[in-house]
Amino acid sequence: MSLFNEKQEPSRNERRTAGRITCSHTKCQFGEVTNLSKGGCRVVAKRPVDLPEGRSVNLQIKAAGASMVVPACLVSCRQRADGRYEHGFQFVGITDEMRREIIMFARAAADNESLRMRNAA
């Protein structure tokens, strides 16, 4: 299963297609969410996530008094110098409206503001 639209996998530096927003006080079921973009997020945890590559999971992201659930696939995992693990998740099967809500959510998490999310219809 290819995670990219291109036939050949891009290099590590070329993979990201969306700008990242650094988050504070943002968590998911696996650990601390350190940044979010419309395409994915980075999660730092004490242990590696036990999730087979390519399998999707519903990330339950909580910040600024709000939460959202986003389907995502684990695309990377590496151990940091401090012994914790950094995980890269790519969001999958999301609509343009969800992408806009993710960005709104990420900006509020970055600014540590409260959020008022619209109900999904």
PDB file of N, CA and C in Angstrom:
ATOM      1  N   MET A   1       0.830  -1.172   0.000  1.00  0.00           N
ATOM      2  CA  MET A   1       0.000   0.000   0.000  1.00  0.00           C
ATOM      3  C   MET A   1       0.877   1.239   0.000  1.00  0.00           C
ATOM      4  N   SER A   2       0.692   2.118  -0.938  1.00  0.00           N
ATOM      5  CA  SER A   2       1.481   3.331  -1.028  1.00  0.00           C
ATOM      6  C   SER A   2       0.823   4.437  -0.220  1.00  0.00           C
ATOM      7  N   LEU A   3       1.626   5.172   0.526  1.00  0.00           N
ATOM      8  CA  LEU A   3       1.118   6.286   1.308  1.00  0.00           C
ATOM      9  C   LEU A   3       1.213   7.588   0.529  1.00  0.00           C
ATOM     10  N   PHE A   4       1.723   7.525  -0.683  1.00  0.00           N
ATOM     11  CA  PHE A   4       1.938   8.711  -1.482  1.00  0.00           C
ATOM     12  C   PHE A   4       1.297   8.534  -2.846  1.00  0.00           C
ATOM     13  N   ASN A   5       0.923   9.649  -3.479  1.00  0.00           N
ATOM     14  CA  ASN A   5       0.314   9.591  -4.796  1.00  0.00           C
ATOM     15  C   ASN A   5       1.336   9.293  -5.883  1.00  0.00           C
ATOM     16  N   GLU A   6       2.606   9.549  -5.602  1.00  0.00           N
ATOM     17  CA  GLU A   6       3.647   9.318  -6.586  1.00  0.00           C
ATOM     18  C   GLU A   6       3.986   7.835  -6.647  1.00  0.00           C
ATOM     19  N   LYS A   7       4.482   7.405  -7.785  1.00  0.00           N
ATOM     20  CA  LYS A   7       4.855   6.001  -7.931  1.00  0.00           C
ATOM     21  C   LYS A   7       6.098   5.673  -7.121  1.00  0.00           C
ATOM     22  N   GLN A   8       7.007   6.635  -6.995  1.00  0.00           N
ATOM     23  CA  GLN A   8       8.230   6.420  -6.258  1.00  0.00           C
ATOM     24  C   GLN A   8       8.138   7.162  -4.931  1.00  0.00           C
ATOM     25  N   GLU A   9       8.533   6.522  -3.827  1.00  0.00           N
ATOM     26  CA  GLU A   9       8.436   7.157  -2.522  1.00  0.00           C
ATOM     27  C   GLU A   9       9.404   8.326  -2.443  1.00  0.00           C
ATOM     28  N   PRO A  10       8.912   9.494  -2.024  1.00  0.00           N
ATOM     29  CA  PRO A  10       9.794  10.648  -1.909  1.00  0.00           C
ATOM     30  C   PRO A  10      10.787  10.484  -0.779  1.00  0.00           C
ATOM     31  N   SER A  11      11.863  11.260  -0.822  1.00  0.00           N
ATOM     32  CA  SER A  11      12.846  11.197   0.246  1.00  0.00           C
ATOM     33  C   SER A  11      12.227  11.738   1.530  1.00  0.00           C
ATOM     34  N   ARG A  12      12.878  11.478   2.652  1.00  0.00           N
ATOM     35  CA  ARG A  12      12.364  11.889   3.966  1.00  0.00           C
ATOM     36  C   ARG A  12      12.059  13.383   4.010  1.00  0.00           C
ATOM     37  N   ASN A  13      12.908  14.215   3.425  1.00  0.00           N
ATOM     38  CA  ASN A  13      12.712  15.659   3.464  1.00  0.00           C
ATOM     39  C   ASN A  13      11.584  16.127   2.556  1.00  0.00           C
ATOM     40  N   GLU A  14      11.165  15.311   1.596  1.00  0.00           N
ATOM     41  CA  GLU A  14      10.132  15.710   0.645  1.00  0.00           C
ATOM     42  C   GLU A  14       8.764  15.131   0.974  1.00  0.00           C
ATOM     43  N   ARG A  15       8.639  14.340   2.022  1.00  0.00           N
ATOM     44  CA  ARG A  15       7.379  13.661   2.327  1.00  0.00           C
ATOM     45  C   ARG A  15       6.279  14.610   2.761  1.00  0.00           C
ATOM     46  N   ARG A  16       6.617  15.606   3.530  1.00  0.00           N
ATOM     47  CA  ARG A  16       5.595  16.489   4.095  1.00  0.00           C
ATOM     48  C   ARG A  16       5.013  17.388   3.022  1.00  0.00           C
ATOM     49  N   THR A  17       3.685  17.437   2.986  1.00  0.00           N
ATOM     50  CA  THR A  17       3.004  18.279   2.016  1.00  0.00           C
ATOM     51  C   THR A  17       2.241  19.406   2.698  1.00  0.00           C
ATOM     52  N   ALA A  18       2.290  19.452   4.025  1.00  0.00           N
ATOM     53  CA  ALA A  18       1.553  20.476   4.763  1.00  0.00           C
ATOM     54  C   ALA A  18       2.436  21.058   5.849  1.00  0.00           C
ATOM     55  N   GLY A  19       2.264  22.345   6.102  1.00  0.00           N
ATOM     56  CA  GLY A  19       2.990  22.995   7.183  1.00  0.00           C
ATOM     57  C   GLY A  19       2.532  22.472   8.533  1.00  0.00           C
ATOM     58  N   ARG A  20       3.437  22.482   9.500  1.00  0.00           N
ATOM     59  CA  ARG A  20       3.126  21.963  10.830  1.00  0.00           C
ATOM     60  C   ARG A  20       2.907  23.113  11.805  1.00  0.00           C
ATOM     61  N   ILE A  21       2.033  22.878  12.770  1.00  0.00           N
ATOM     62  CA  ILE A  21       1.780  23.832  13.849  1.00  0.00           C
ATOM     63  C   ILE A  21       2.205  23.161  15.146  1.00  0.00           C
ATOM     64  N   THR A  22       3.131  23.785  15.866  1.00  0.00           N
ATOM     65  CA  THR A  22       3.591  23.249  17.140  1.00  0.00           C
ATOM     66  C   THR A  22       2.484  23.404  18.180  1.00  0.00           C
ATOM     67  N   CYS A  23       2.216  22.331  18.893  1.00  0.00           N
ATOM     68  CA  CYS A  23       1.116  22.309  19.866  1.00  0.00           C
ATOM     69  C   CYS A  23       1.651  22.326  21.293  1.00  0.00           C
ATOM     70  N   SER A  24       0.826  22.809  22.201  1.00  0.00           N
ATOM     71  CA  SER A  24       1.131  22.695  23.624  1.00  0.00           C
ATOM     72  C   SER A  24      -0.104  22.137  24.327  1.00  0.00           C
ATOM     73  N   HIS A  25       0.130  21.340  25.342  1.00  0.00           N
ATOM     74  CA  HIS A  25      -0.963  20.744  26.129  1.00  0.00           C
ATOM     75  C   HIS A  25      -1.939  19.960  25.248  1.00  0.00           C
ATOM     76  N   THR A  26      -1.400  19.202  24.310  1.00  0.00           N
ATOM     77  CA  THR A  26      -2.217  18.426  23.378  1.00  0.00           C
ATOM     78  C   THR A  26      -1.836  16.960  23.522  1.00  0.00           C
ATOM     79  N   LYS A  27      -2.834  16.099  23.646  1.00  0.00           N
ATOM     80  CA  LYS A  27      -2.569  14.673  23.876  1.00  0.00           C
ATOM     81  C   LYS A  27      -3.457  13.811  22.987  1.00  0.00           C
ATOM     82  N   CYS A  28      -3.041  12.560  22.826  1.00  0.00           N
ATOM     83  CA  CYS A  28      -3.883  11.533  22.220  1.00  0.00           C
ATOM     84  C   CYS A  28      -3.715  10.281  23.070  1.00  0.00           C
ATOM     85  N   GLN A  29      -4.361   9.207  22.693  1.00  0.00           N
ATOM     86  CA  GLN A  29      -4.315   7.987  23.508  1.00  0.00           C
ATOM     87  C   GLN A  29      -2.913   7.378  23.583  1.00  0.00           C
ATOM     88  N   PHE A  30      -1.995   7.804  22.706  1.00  0.00           N
ATOM     89  CA  PHE A  30      -0.650   7.231  22.695  1.00  0.00           C
ATOM     90  C   PHE A  30       0.385   8.102  23.405  1.00  0.00           C
ATOM     91  N   GLY A  31       0.095   9.392  23.576  1.00  0.00           N
ATOM     92  CA  GLY A  31       1.066  10.271  24.219  1.00  0.00           C
ATOM     93  C   GLY A  31       0.820  11.732  23.902  1.00  0.00           C
ATOM     94  N   GLU A  32       1.884  12.522  23.955  1.00  0.00           N
ATOM     95  CA  GLU A  32       1.816  13.964  23.728  1.00  0.00           C
ATOM     96  C   GLU A  32       1.899  14.279  22.231  1.00  0.00           C
ATOM     97  N   VAL A  33       0.950  15.050  21.726  1.00  0.00           N
ATOM     98  CA  VAL A  33       0.971  15.495  20.332  1.00  0.00           C
ATOM     99  C   VAL A  33       1.808  16.767  20.300  1.00  0.00           C
ATOM    100  N   THR A  34       2.950  16.718  19.614  1.00  0.00           N
ATOM    101  CA  THR A  34       3.852  17.877  19.608  1.00  0.00           C
ATOM    102  C   THR A  34       3.625  18.795  18.424  1.00  0.00           C
ATOM    103  N   ASN A  35       3.088  18.263  17.330  1.00  0.00           N
ATOM    104  CA  ASN A  35       2.696  19.128  16.219  1.00  0.00           C
ATOM    105  C   ASN A  35       1.593  18.482  15.407  1.00  0.00           C
ATOM    106  N   LEU A  36       0.832  19.340  14.736  1.00  0.00           N
ATOM    107  CA  LEU A  36      -0.301  18.911  13.908  1.00  0.00           C
ATOM    108  C   LEU A  36      -0.233  19.643  12.577  1.00  0.00           C
ATOM    109  N   SER A  37      -0.703  18.987  11.549  1.00  0.00           N
ATOM    110  CA  SER A  37      -0.906  19.631  10.262  1.00  0.00           C
ATOM    111  C   SER A  37      -2.177  19.048   9.670  1.00  0.00           C
ATOM    112  N   LYS A  38      -2.577  19.547   8.517  1.00  0.00           N
ATOM    113  CA  LYS A  38      -3.779  18.996   7.892  1.00  0.00           C
ATOM    114  C   LYS A  38      -3.539  17.585   7.375  1.00  0.00           C
ATOM    115  N   GLY A  39      -2.284  17.161   7.324  1.00  0.00           N
ATOM    116  CA  GLY A  39      -1.961  15.835   6.810  1.00  0.00           C
ATOM    117  C   GLY A  39      -1.565  14.801   7.838  1.00  0.00           C
ATOM    118  N   GLY A  40      -1.249  15.233   9.072  1.00  0.00           N
ATOM    119  CA  GLY A  40      -0.817  14.266  10.072  1.00  0.00           C
ATOM    120  C   GLY A  40      -0.356  14.932  11.344  1.00  0.00           C
ATOM    121  N   CYS A  41       0.302  14.143  12.210  1.00  0.00           N
ATOM    122  CA  CYS A  41       0.778  14.684  13.480  1.00  0.00           C
ATOM    123  C   CYS A  41       1.983  13.890  13.976  1.00  0.00           C
ATOM    124  N   ARG A  42       2.675  14.494  14.939  1.00  0.00           N
ATOM    125  CA  ARG A  42       3.789  13.830  15.607  1.00  0.00           C
ATOM    126  C   ARG A  42       3.381  13.604  17.053  1.00  0.00           C
ATOM    127  N   VAL A  43       3.638  12.385  17.554  1.00  0.00           N
ATOM    128  CA  VAL A  43       3.283  12.009  18.919  1.00  0.00           C
ATOM    129  C   VAL A  43       4.531  11.484  19.616  1.00  0.00           C
ATOM    130  N   VAL A  44       4.798  11.987  20.824  1.00  0.00           N
ATOM    131  CA  VAL A  44       5.921  11.523  21.626  1.00  0.00           C
ATOM    132  C   VAL A  44       5.367  10.701  22.787  1.00  0.00           C
ATOM    133  N   ALA A  45       5.949   9.516  22.978  1.00  0.00           N
ATOM    134  CA  ALA A  45       5.461   8.596  24.012  1.00  0.00           C
ATOM    135  C   ALA A  45       6.632   7.899  24.702  1.00  0.00           C
ATOM    136  N   LYS A  46       6.346   7.327  25.880  1.00  0.00           N
ATOM    137  CA  LYS A  46       7.369   6.605  26.635  1.00  0.00           C
ATOM    138  C   LYS A  46       7.739   5.287  25.963  1.00  0.00           C
ATOM    139  N   ARG A  47       6.771   4.692  25.268  1.00  0.00           N
ATOM    140  CA  ARG A  47       6.972   3.387  24.623  1.00  0.00           C
ATOM    141  C   ARG A  47       6.585   3.475  23.151  1.00  0.00           C
ATOM    142  N   PRO A  48       7.111   2.582  22.324  1.00  0.00           N
ATOM    143  CA  PRO A  48       6.670   2.572  20.919  1.00  0.00           C
ATOM    144  C   PRO A  48       5.214   2.110  20.829  1.00  0.00           C
ATOM    145  N   VAL A  49       4.499   2.669  19.895  1.00  0.00           N
ATOM    146  CA  VAL A  49       3.103   2.294  19.672  1.00  0.00           C
ATOM    147  C   VAL A  49       3.070   0.913  19.044  1.00  0.00           C
ATOM    148  N   ASP A  50       2.263   0.032  19.589  1.00  0.00           N
ATOM    149  CA  ASP A  50       2.130  -1.329  19.070  1.00  0.00           C
ATOM    150  C   ASP A  50       1.011  -1.342  18.030  1.00  0.00           C
ATOM    151  N   LEU A  51       1.363  -0.958  16.826  1.00  0.00           N
ATOM    152  CA  LEU A  51       0.397  -0.860  15.742  1.00  0.00           C
ATOM    153  C   LEU A  51       1.081  -1.300  14.458  1.00  0.00           C
ATOM    154  N   PRO A  52       0.547  -2.304  13.779  1.00  0.00           N
ATOM    155  CA  PRO A  52       1.171  -2.757  12.527  1.00  0.00           C
ATOM    156  C   PRO A  52       1.207  -1.633  11.493  1.00  0.00           C
ATOM    157  N   GLU A  53       2.304  -1.571  10.746  1.00  0.00           N
ATOM    158  CA  GLU A  53       2.451  -0.556   9.704  1.00  0.00           C
ATOM    159  C   GLU A  53       1.331  -0.692   8.674  1.00  0.00           C
ATOM    160  N   GLY A  54       0.744   0.430   8.320  1.00  0.00           N
ATOM    161  CA  GLY A  54      -0.322   0.438   7.331  1.00  0.00           C
ATOM    162  C   GLY A  54      -1.714   0.275   7.903  1.00  0.00           C
ATOM    163  N   ARG A  55      -1.820  -0.109   9.171  1.00  0.00           N
ATOM    164  CA  ARG A  55      -3.132  -0.263   9.801  1.00  0.00           C
ATOM    165  C   ARG A  55      -3.586   1.080  10.358  1.00  0.00           C
ATOM    166  N   SER A  56      -4.827   1.428  10.113  1.00  0.00           N
ATOM    167  CA  SER A  56      -5.313   2.724  10.600  1.00  0.00           C
ATOM    168  C   SER A  56      -5.895   2.588  12.000  1.00  0.00           C
ATOM    169  N   VAL A  57      -5.889   3.707  12.695  1.00  0.00           N
ATOM    170  CA  VAL A  57      -6.415   3.794  14.050  1.00  0.00           C
ATOM    171  C   VAL A  57      -7.111   5.147  14.156  1.00  0.00           C
ATOM    172  N   ASN A  58      -8.110   5.239  14.996  1.00  0.00           N
ATOM    173  CA  ASN A  58      -8.757   6.523  15.248  1.00  0.00           C
ATOM    174  C   ASN A  58      -8.006   7.235  16.363  1.00  0.00           C
ATOM    175  N   LEU A  59      -7.270   8.298  15.997  1.00  0.00           N
ATOM    176  CA  LEU A  59      -6.567   9.093  16.999  1.00  0.00           C
ATOM    177  C   LEU A  59      -7.581   9.975  17.710  1.00  0.00           C
ATOM    178  N   GLN A  60      -7.561   9.924  19.013  1.00  0.00           N
ATOM    179  CA  GLN A  60      -8.440  10.758  19.841  1.00  0.00           C
ATOM    180  C   GLN A  60      -7.579  11.892  20.387  1.00  0.00           C
ATOM    181  N   ILE A  61      -7.619  13.033  19.703  1.00  0.00           N
ATOM    182  CA  ILE A  61      -6.762  14.167  20.040  1.00  0.00           C
ATOM    183  C   ILE A  61      -7.535  15.131  20.936  1.00  0.00           C
ATOM    184  N   LYS A  62      -6.893  15.537  22.042  1.00  0.00           N
ATOM    185  CA  LYS A  62      -7.543  16.430  23.007  1.00  0.00           C
ATOM    186  C   LYS A  62      -6.639  17.627  23.266  1.00  0.00           C
ATOM    187  N   ALA A  63      -7.250  18.825  23.214  1.00  0.00           N
ATOM    188  CA  ALA A  63      -6.525  20.063  23.510  1.00  0.00           C
ATOM    189  C   ALA A  63      -7.504  21.187  23.709  1.00  0.00           C
ATOM    190  N   ALA A  64      -7.100  22.158  24.488  1.00  0.00           N
ATOM    191  CA  ALA A  64      -7.836  23.414  24.647  1.00  0.00           C
ATOM    192  C   ALA A  64      -9.321  23.202  24.948  1.00  0.00           C
ATOM    193  N   GLY A  65      -9.634  22.205  25.762  1.00  0.00           N
ATOM    194  CA  GLY A  65     -11.012  21.967  26.147  1.00  0.00           C
ATOM    195  C   GLY A  65     -11.860  21.298  25.087  1.00  0.00           C
ATOM    196  N   ALA A  66     -11.260  20.825  24.016  1.00  0.00           N
ATOM    197  CA  ALA A  66     -11.999  20.162  22.937  1.00  0.00           C
ATOM    198  C   ALA A  66     -11.289  18.873  22.558  1.00  0.00           C
ATOM    199  N   SER A  67     -11.993  18.040  21.811  1.00  0.00           N
ATOM    200  CA  SER A  67     -11.374  16.810  21.318  1.00  0.00           C
ATOM    201  C   SER A  67     -11.905  16.517  19.929  1.00  0.00           C
ATOM    202  N   MET A  68     -11.132  15.740  19.199  1.00  0.00           N
ATOM    203  CA  MET A  68     -11.570  15.293  17.882  1.00  0.00           C
ATOM    204  C   MET A  68     -10.980  13.923  17.608  1.00  0.00           C
ATOM    205  N   VAL A  69     -11.659  13.162  16.777  1.00  0.00           N
ATOM    206  CA  VAL A  69     -11.212  11.835  16.378  1.00  0.00           C
ATOM    207  C   VAL A  69     -10.858  11.893  14.904  1.00  0.00           C
ATOM    208  N   VAL A  70      -9.634  11.447  14.589  1.00  0.00           N
ATOM    209  CA  VAL A  70      -9.143  11.504  13.212  1.00  0.00           C
ATOM    210  C   VAL A  70      -8.543  10.147  12.850  1.00  0.00           C
ATOM    211  N   PRO A  71      -8.973   9.530  11.735  1.00  0.00           N
ATOM    212  CA  PRO A  71      -8.358   8.272  11.314  1.00  0.00           C
ATOM    213  C   PRO A  71      -6.939   8.526  10.808  1.00  0.00           C
ATOM    214  N   ALA A  72      -6.003   7.668  11.229  1.00  0.00           N
ATOM    215  CA  ALA A  72      -4.602   7.867  10.862  1.00  0.00           C
ATOM    216  C   ALA A  72      -3.869   6.544  10.787  1.00  0.00           C
ATOM    217  N   CYS A  73      -2.772   6.544  10.029  1.00  0.00           N
ATOM    218  CA  CYS A  73      -1.872   5.393   9.947  1.00  0.00           C
ATOM    219  C   CYS A  73      -0.525   5.777  10.529  1.00  0.00           C
ATOM    220  N   LEU A  74       0.096   4.864  11.251  1.00  0.00           N
ATOM    221  CA  LEU A  74       1.446   5.069  11.750  1.00  0.00           C
ATOM    222  C   LEU A  74       2.402   4.942  10.569  1.00  0.00           C
ATOM    223  N   VAL A  75       3.213   5.980  10.333  1.00  0.00           N
ATOM    224  CA  VAL A  75       4.141   5.938   9.199  1.00  0.00           C
ATOM    225  C   VAL A  75       5.602   5.966   9.632  1.00  0.00           C
ATOM    226  N   SER A  76       5.865   6.328  10.898  1.00  0.00           N
ATOM    227  CA  SER A  76       7.250   6.307  11.370  1.00  0.00           C
ATOM    228  C   SER A  76       7.295   6.174  12.883  1.00  0.00           C
ATOM    229  N   CYS A  77       8.409   5.630  13.353  1.00  0.00           N
ATOM    230  CA  CYS A  77       8.660   5.516  14.790  1.00  0.00           C
ATOM    231  C   CYS A  77      10.166   5.482  14.980  1.00  0.00           C
ATOM    232  N   ARG A  78      10.653   6.363  15.856  1.00  0.00           N
ATOM    233  CA  ARG A  78      12.084   6.358  16.148  1.00  0.00           C
ATOM    234  C   ARG A  78      12.299   6.704  17.607  1.00  0.00           C
ATOM    235  N   GLN A  79      13.355   6.119  18.175  1.00  0.00           N
ATOM    236  CA  GLN A  79      13.687   6.417  19.564  1.00  0.00           C
ATOM    237  C   GLN A  79      14.537   7.679  19.613  1.00  0.00           C
ATOM    238  N   ARG A  80      14.193   8.579  20.508  1.00  0.00           N
ATOM    239  CA  ARG A  80      14.918   9.829  20.667  1.00  0.00           C
ATOM    240  C   ARG A  80      16.068   9.651  21.650  1.00  0.00           C
ATOM    241  N   ALA A  81      16.949  10.625  21.715  1.00  0.00           N
ATOM    242  CA  ALA A  81      18.098  10.574  22.628  1.00  0.00           C
ATOM    243  C   ALA A  81      17.659  10.497  24.090  1.00  0.00           C
ATOM    244  N   ASP A  82      16.488  11.054  24.412  1.00  0.00           N
ATOM    245  CA  ASP A  82      16.004  11.023  25.795  1.00  0.00           C
ATOM    246  C   ASP A  82      15.314   9.705  26.164  1.00  0.00           C
ATOM    247  N   GLY A  83      15.285   8.750  25.217  1.00  0.00           N
ATOM    248  CA  GLY A  83      14.706   7.431  25.480  1.00  0.00           C
ATOM    249  C   GLY A  83      13.237   7.312  25.111  1.00  0.00           C
ATOM    250  N   ARG A  84      12.570   8.444  24.868  1.00  0.00           N
ATOM    251  CA  ARG A  84      11.169   8.388  24.457  1.00  0.00           C
ATOM    252  C   ARG A  84      11.088   8.104  22.965  1.00  0.00           C
ATOM    253  N   TYR A  85       9.883   7.827  22.488  1.00  0.00           N
ATOM    254  CA  TYR A  85       9.672   7.462  21.089  1.00  0.00           C
ATOM    255  C   TYR A  85       8.848   8.531  20.376  1.00  0.00           C
ATOM    256  N   GLU A  86       9.278   8.859  19.186  1.00  0.00           N
ATOM    257  CA  GLU A  86       8.590   9.836  18.350  1.00  0.00           C
ATOM    258  C   GLU A  86       7.890   9.095  17.223  1.00  0.00           C
ATOM    259  N   HIS A  87       6.584   9.315  17.093  1.00  0.00           N
ATOM    260  CA  HIS A  87       5.770   8.609  16.097  1.00  0.00           C
ATOM    261  C   HIS A  87       5.198   9.610  15.111  1.00  0.00           C
ATOM    262  N   GLY A  88       5.233   9.255  13.844  1.00  0.00           N
ATOM    263  CA  GLY A  88       4.591  10.063  12.822  1.00  0.00           C
ATOM    264  C   GLY A  88       3.315   9.379  12.366  1.00  0.00           C
ATOM    265  N   PHE A  89       2.210  10.106  12.399  1.00  0.00           N
ATOM    266  CA  PHE A  89       0.927   9.587  11.930  1.00  0.00           C
ATOM    267  C   PHE A  89       0.476  10.399  10.729  1.00  0.00           C
ATOM    268  N   GLN A  90      -0.022   9.703   9.715  1.00  0.00           N
ATOM    269  CA  GLN A  90      -0.597  10.360   8.540  1.00  0.00           C
ATOM    270  C   GLN A  90      -2.106  10.168   8.599  1.00  0.00           C
ATOM    271  N   PHE A  91      -2.848  11.283   8.479  1.00  0.00           N
ATOM    272  CA  PHE A  91      -4.296  11.186   8.479  1.00  0.00           C
ATOM    273  C   PHE A  91      -4.768  10.547   7.180  1.00  0.00           C
ATOM    274  N   VAL A  92      -5.789   9.702   7.272  1.00  0.00           N
ATOM    275  CA  VAL A  92      -6.288   8.981   6.097  1.00  0.00           C
ATOM    276  C   VAL A  92      -7.799   9.136   5.968  1.00  0.00           C
ATOM    277  N   GLY A  93      -8.265   9.201   4.735  1.00  0.00           N
ATOM    278  CA  GLY A  93      -9.699   9.211   4.464  1.00  0.00           C
ATOM    279  C   GLY A  93     -10.437  10.391   5.058  1.00  0.00           C
ATOM    280  N   ILE A  94      -9.805  11.564   5.094  1.00  0.00           N
ATOM    281  CA  ILE A  94     -10.484  12.718   5.678  1.00  0.00           C
ATOM    282  C   ILE A  94     -10.929  13.687   4.583  1.00  0.00           C
ATOM    283  N   THR A  95     -11.986  14.389   4.856  1.00  0.00           N
ATOM    284  CA  THR A  95     -12.565  15.330   3.901  1.00  0.00           C
ATOM    285  C   THR A  95     -11.871  16.689   4.015  1.00  0.00           C
ATOM    286  N   ASP A  96     -12.118  17.557   3.037  1.00  0.00           N
ATOM    287  CA  ASP A  96     -11.578  18.916   3.090  1.00  0.00           C
ATOM    288  C   ASP A  96     -12.098  19.654   4.313  1.00  0.00           C
ATOM    289  N   GLU A  97     -13.357  19.418   4.670  1.00  0.00           N
ATOM    290  CA  GLU A  97     -13.930  20.049   5.858  1.00  0.00           C
ATOM    291  C   GLU A  97     -13.189  19.601   7.114  1.00  0.00           C
ATOM    292  N   MET A  98     -12.874  18.306   7.205  1.00  0.00           N
ATOM    293  CA  MET A  98     -12.109  17.809   8.355  1.00  0.00           C
ATOM    294  C   MET A  98     -10.727  18.435   8.397  1.00  0.00           C
ATOM    295  N   ARG A  99     -10.099  18.591   7.238  1.00  0.00           N
ATOM    296  CA  ARG A  99      -8.776  19.227   7.183  1.00  0.00           C
ATOM    297  C   ARG A  99      -8.841  20.650   7.754  1.00  0.00           C
ATOM    298  N   ARG A 100      -9.880  21.390   7.380  1.00  0.00           N
ATOM    299  CA  ARG A 100     -10.044  22.751   7.908  1.00  0.00           C
ATOM    300  C   ARG A 100     -10.239  22.730   9.417  1.00  0.00           C
ATOM    301  N   GLU A 101     -11.019  21.774   9.916  1.00  0.00           N
ATOM    302  CA  GLU A 101     -11.240  21.667  11.358  1.00  0.00           C
ATOM    303  C   GLU A 101      -9.960  21.264  12.093  1.00  0.00           C
ATOM    304  N   ILE A 102      -9.153  20.414  11.478  1.00  0.00           N
ATOM    305  CA  ILE A 102      -7.878  20.020  12.085  1.00  0.00           C
ATOM    306  C   ILE A 102      -6.977  21.246  12.227  1.00  0.00           C
ATOM    307  N   ILE A 103      -6.904  22.063  11.188  1.00  0.00           N
ATOM    308  CA  ILE A 103      -6.072  23.265  11.241  1.00  0.00           C
ATOM    309  C   ILE A 103      -6.591  24.227  12.312  1.00  0.00           C
ATOM    310  N   MET A 104      -7.904  24.413  12.390  1.00  0.00           N
ATOM    311  CA  MET A 104      -8.484  25.273  13.415  1.00  0.00           C
ATOM    312  C   MET A 104      -8.141  24.730  14.808  1.00  0.00           C
ATOM    313  N   PHE A 105      -8.271  23.424  14.957  1.00  0.00           N
ATOM    314  CA  PHE A 105      -7.949  22.755  16.214  1.00  0.00           C
ATOM    315  C   PHE A 105      -6.473  22.955  16.553  1.00  0.00           C
ATOM    316  N   ALA A 106      -5.595  22.756  15.569  1.00  0.00           N
ATOM    317  CA  ALA A 106      -4.153  22.883  15.788  1.00  0.00           C
ATOM    318  C   ALA A 106      -3.779  24.303  16.178  1.00  0.00           C
ATOM    319  N   ARG A 107      -4.370  25.288  15.519  1.00  0.00           N
ATOM    320  CA  ARG A 107      -4.068  26.689  15.855  1.00  0.00           C
ATOM    321  C   ARG A 107      -4.492  27.017  17.275  1.00  0.00           C
ATOM    322  N   ALA A 108      -5.640  26.526  17.684  1.00  0.00           N
ATOM    323  CA  ALA A 108      -6.097  26.761  19.060  1.00  0.00           C
ATOM    324  C   ALA A 108      -5.173  26.054  20.050  1.00  0.00           C
ATOM    325  N   ALA A 109      -4.725  24.852  19.711  1.00  0.00           N
ATOM    326  CA  ALA A 109      -3.812  24.117  20.589  1.00  0.00           C
ATOM    327  C   ALA A 109      -2.475  24.848  20.687  1.00  0.00           C
ATOM    328  N   ALA A 110      -2.037  25.446  19.595  1.00  0.00           N
ATOM    329  CA  ALA A 110      -0.776  26.184  19.597  1.00  0.00           C
ATOM    330  C   ALA A 110      -0.890  27.437  20.451  1.00  0.00           C
ATOM    331  N   ASP A 111      -2.035  28.079  20.395  1.00  0.00           N
ATOM    332  CA  ASP A 111      -2.254  29.314  21.152  1.00  0.00           C
ATOM    333  C   ASP A 111      -2.831  29.058  22.528  1.00  0.00           C
ATOM    334  N   ASN A 112      -3.138  27.781  22.823  1.00  0.00           N
ATOM    335  CA  ASN A 112      -3.739  27.369  24.090  1.00  0.00           C
ATOM    336  C   ASN A 112      -5.061  28.113  24.326  1.00  0.00           C
ATOM    337  N   GLU A 113      -5.848  28.220  23.279  1.00  0.00           N
ATOM    338  CA  GLU A 113      -7.156  28.871  23.345  1.00  0.00           C
ATOM    339  C   GLU A 113      -8.245  27.826  23.516  1.00  0.00           C
ATOM    340  N   SER A 114      -9.400  28.270  23.931  1.00  0.00           N
ATOM    341  CA  SER A 114     -10.538  27.355  23.974  1.00  0.00           C
ATOM    342  C   SER A 114     -11.167  27.281  22.589  1.00  0.00           C
ATOM    343  N   LEU A 115     -11.782  26.162  22.302  1.00  0.00           N
ATOM    344  CA  LEU A 115     -12.349  25.897  20.976  1.00  0.00           C
ATOM    345  C   LEU A 115     -13.833  25.657  21.056  1.00  0.00           C
ATOM    346  N   ARG A 116     -14.525  26.041  20.024  1.00  0.00           N
ATOM    347  CA  ARG A 116     -15.936  25.690  19.894  1.00  0.00           C
ATOM    348  C   ARG A 116     -16.058  24.980  18.538  1.00  0.00           C
ATOM    349  N   MET A 117     -16.076  23.671  18.557  1.00  0.00           N
ATOM    350  CA  MET A 117     -16.135  22.881  17.319  1.00  0.00           C
ATOM    351  C   MET A 117     -17.592  22.728  16.873  1.00  0.00           C
ATOM    352  N   ARG A 118     -17.796  22.787  15.558  1.00  0.00           N
ATOM    353  CA  ARG A 118     -19.121  22.543  15.019  1.00  0.00           C
ATOM    354  C   ARG A 118     -19.426  21.071  15.059  1.00  0.00           C
ATOM    355  N   ASN A 119     -20.677  20.723  15.223  1.00  0.00           N
ATOM    356  CA  ASN A 119     -21.072  19.314  15.191  1.00  0.00           C
ATOM    357  C   ASN A 119     -21.008  18.833  13.753  1.00  0.00           C
ATOM    358  N   ALA A 120     -20.489  17.628  13.575  1.00  0.00           N
ATOM    359  CA  ALA A 120     -20.434  17.041  12.226  1.00  0.00           C
ATOM    360  C   ALA A 120     -21.833  16.644  11.800  1.00  0.00           C
ATOM    361  N   ALA A 121     -22.199  16.995  10.598  1.00  0.00           N
ATOM    362  CA  ALA A 121     -23.548  16.681  10.100  1.00  0.00           C
ATOM    363  C   ALA A 121     -23.570  15.343   9.429  1.00  0.00           C
TER     364      ALA A 121
END
